[in-house]
Amino acid sequence: MAIYTIQLKRGKSTSWNSLNLILSAGEPGFEIDTGKLKIGNGITPWNDLPYLGEDKALIINANTHYDFPAIGDVDIIYKASQENQLYQWNNDTYNYELLLPNNLVTQE
């Protein structure tokens, strides 16, 4: 059985705030000192992104991605439990896209 490691972009909250990066759509950013997570949308700078779990329910569960709403919301993470995948709505393509592309997964 293969073991996979997923590595998130991470740093201290002070570094994130001073750099104020724009994360790509679906790209996660983790604050190692606060334990908080933000998900980029490709447009909004770090300081203006909400933390995951703030403001509204940001995760919708379904069996497969075929069970997601016809039109999604870029601020919500969609979990397909049978596929063991996370998705995010893309307003440019009007499609759900994998939240963690294969290039973020490494095998040990």
Protein backbone atom coordinates (compact mmCIF):
# COMPACT_ATOMS: atom_id res chain seq x y z
CA MET A 1 0.00 0.00 0.00
CA ALA A 2 1.36 3.38 -0.98
CA ILE A 3 1.55 6.19 1.56
CA TYR A 4 0.87 9.71 0.33
CA THR A 5 1.69 13.03 1.95
CA ILE A 6 -0.23 16.20 1.17
CA GLN A 7 1.72 19.36 1.95
CA LEU A 8 -0.08 22.66 2.33
CA LYS A 9 1.48 26.07 1.81
CA ARG A 10 2.15 27.15 5.40
CA GLY A 11 3.67 29.89 7.53
CA LYS A 12 3.14 32.05 10.59
CA SER A 13 0.18 34.43 10.57
CA THR A 14 2.51 37.45 10.67
CA SER A 15 4.27 36.24 7.51
CA TRP A 16 0.98 35.62 5.70
CA ASN A 17 -0.30 39.07 6.67
CA SER A 18 2.87 40.90 5.62
CA LEU A 19 3.18 39.05 2.27
CA ASN A 20 -0.58 39.26 1.58
CA LEU A 21 -0.31 36.71 -1.25
CA ILE A 22 -3.06 35.80 -3.68
CA LEU A 23 -3.58 32.04 -3.49
CA SER A 24 -4.64 30.21 -6.65
CA ALA A 25 -8.22 29.00 -6.89
CA GLY A 26 -8.58 26.09 -4.47
CA GLU A 27 -5.07 26.52 -3.07
CA PRO A 28 -5.00 26.10 0.72
CA GLY A 29 -2.86 28.24 3.03
CA PHE A 30 -2.26 27.22 6.66
CA GLU A 31 -1.20 29.40 9.59
CA ILE A 32 1.06 27.18 11.70
CA ASP A 33 0.81 29.35 14.81
CA THR A 34 -3.00 29.76 14.86
CA GLY A 35 -4.09 26.47 13.27
CA LYS A 36 -6.34 28.39 10.85
CA LEU A 37 -6.80 27.65 7.16
CA LYS A 38 -7.76 29.80 4.18
CA ILE A 39 -8.64 28.64 0.65
CA GLY A 40 -7.68 30.88 -2.26
CA ASN A 41 -9.93 31.90 -5.12
CA GLY A 42 -7.23 33.29 -7.45
CA ILE A 43 -8.37 36.88 -6.95
CA THR A 44 -8.61 37.86 -3.28
CA PRO A 45 -5.43 38.75 -1.31
CA TRP A 46 -4.71 36.75 1.84
CA ASN A 47 -5.76 39.49 4.25
CA ASP A 48 -9.24 39.66 2.67
CA LEU A 49 -9.90 35.90 2.52
CA PRO A 50 -12.10 34.41 5.26
CA TYR A 51 -10.75 31.61 7.41
CA LEU A 52 -12.25 28.21 6.69
CA GLY A 53 -15.26 27.78 8.95
CA GLU A 54 -16.00 31.48 9.40
CA ASP A 55 -19.11 33.34 8.20
CA LYS A 56 -21.06 30.31 6.93
CA ALA A 57 -20.96 26.55 6.56
CA LEU A 58 -18.12 26.10 4.10
CA ILE A 59 -18.26 22.33 3.56
CA ILE A 60 -21.08 20.47 1.82
CA ASN A 61 -21.02 16.67 1.95
CA ALA A 62 -22.33 14.39 -0.80
CA ASN A 63 -21.77 10.79 -1.88
CA THR A 64 -20.21 11.72 -5.25
CA HIS A 65 -19.54 14.94 -7.14
CA TYR A 66 -22.59 14.11 -9.27
CA ASP A 67 -24.69 14.84 -6.16
CA PHE A 68 -23.46 18.45 -5.86
CA PRO A 69 -25.80 21.33 -6.74
CA ALA A 70 -25.96 22.21 -10.46
CA ILE A 71 -24.32 25.57 -9.70
CA GLY A 72 -21.86 25.87 -6.85
CA ASP A 73 -20.42 28.63 -4.69
CA VAL A 74 -16.69 29.50 -4.79
CA ASP A 75 -16.68 30.05 -1.01
CA ILE A 76 -17.81 26.48 -0.25
CA ILE A 77 -15.78 23.27 -0.26
CA TYR A 78 -17.66 20.26 -1.62
CA LYS A 79 -16.77 16.82 -0.24
CA ALA A 80 -17.51 13.67 -2.27
CA SER A 81 -17.20 11.02 0.41
CA GLN A 82 -17.33 7.93 -1.85
CA GLU A 83 -14.63 9.44 -4.07
CA ASN A 84 -12.59 10.64 -1.07
CA GLN A 85 -12.13 13.97 -2.89
CA LEU A 86 -12.63 17.66 -2.16
CA TYR A 87 -13.91 20.01 -4.86
CA GLN A 88 -14.44 23.74 -5.30
CA TRP A 89 -16.73 25.53 -7.75
CA ASN A 90 -15.00 27.53 -10.49
CA ASN A 91 -17.04 30.53 -11.69
CA ASP A 92 -14.92 30.87 -14.84
CA THR A 93 -15.50 27.34 -16.13
CA TYR A 94 -18.84 26.68 -14.37
CA ASN A 95 -17.47 23.36 -13.13
CA TYR A 96 -16.36 21.70 -9.93
CA GLU A 97 -12.59 21.26 -9.79
CA LEU A 98 -10.47 19.12 -7.52
CA LEU A 99 -9.37 21.18 -4.56
CA LEU A 100 -5.99 19.49 -4.23
CA PRO A 101 -4.56 18.82 -7.69
CA ASN A 102 -2.27 15.83 -8.14
CA ASN A 103 0.83 18.04 -8.09
CA LEU A 104 0.25 18.72 -4.38
CA VAL A 105 0.31 15.00 -3.52
CA THR A 106 3.66 13.29 -3.09
CA GLN A 107 4.38 9.65 -2.50
CA GLU A 108 6.80 8.53 0.23
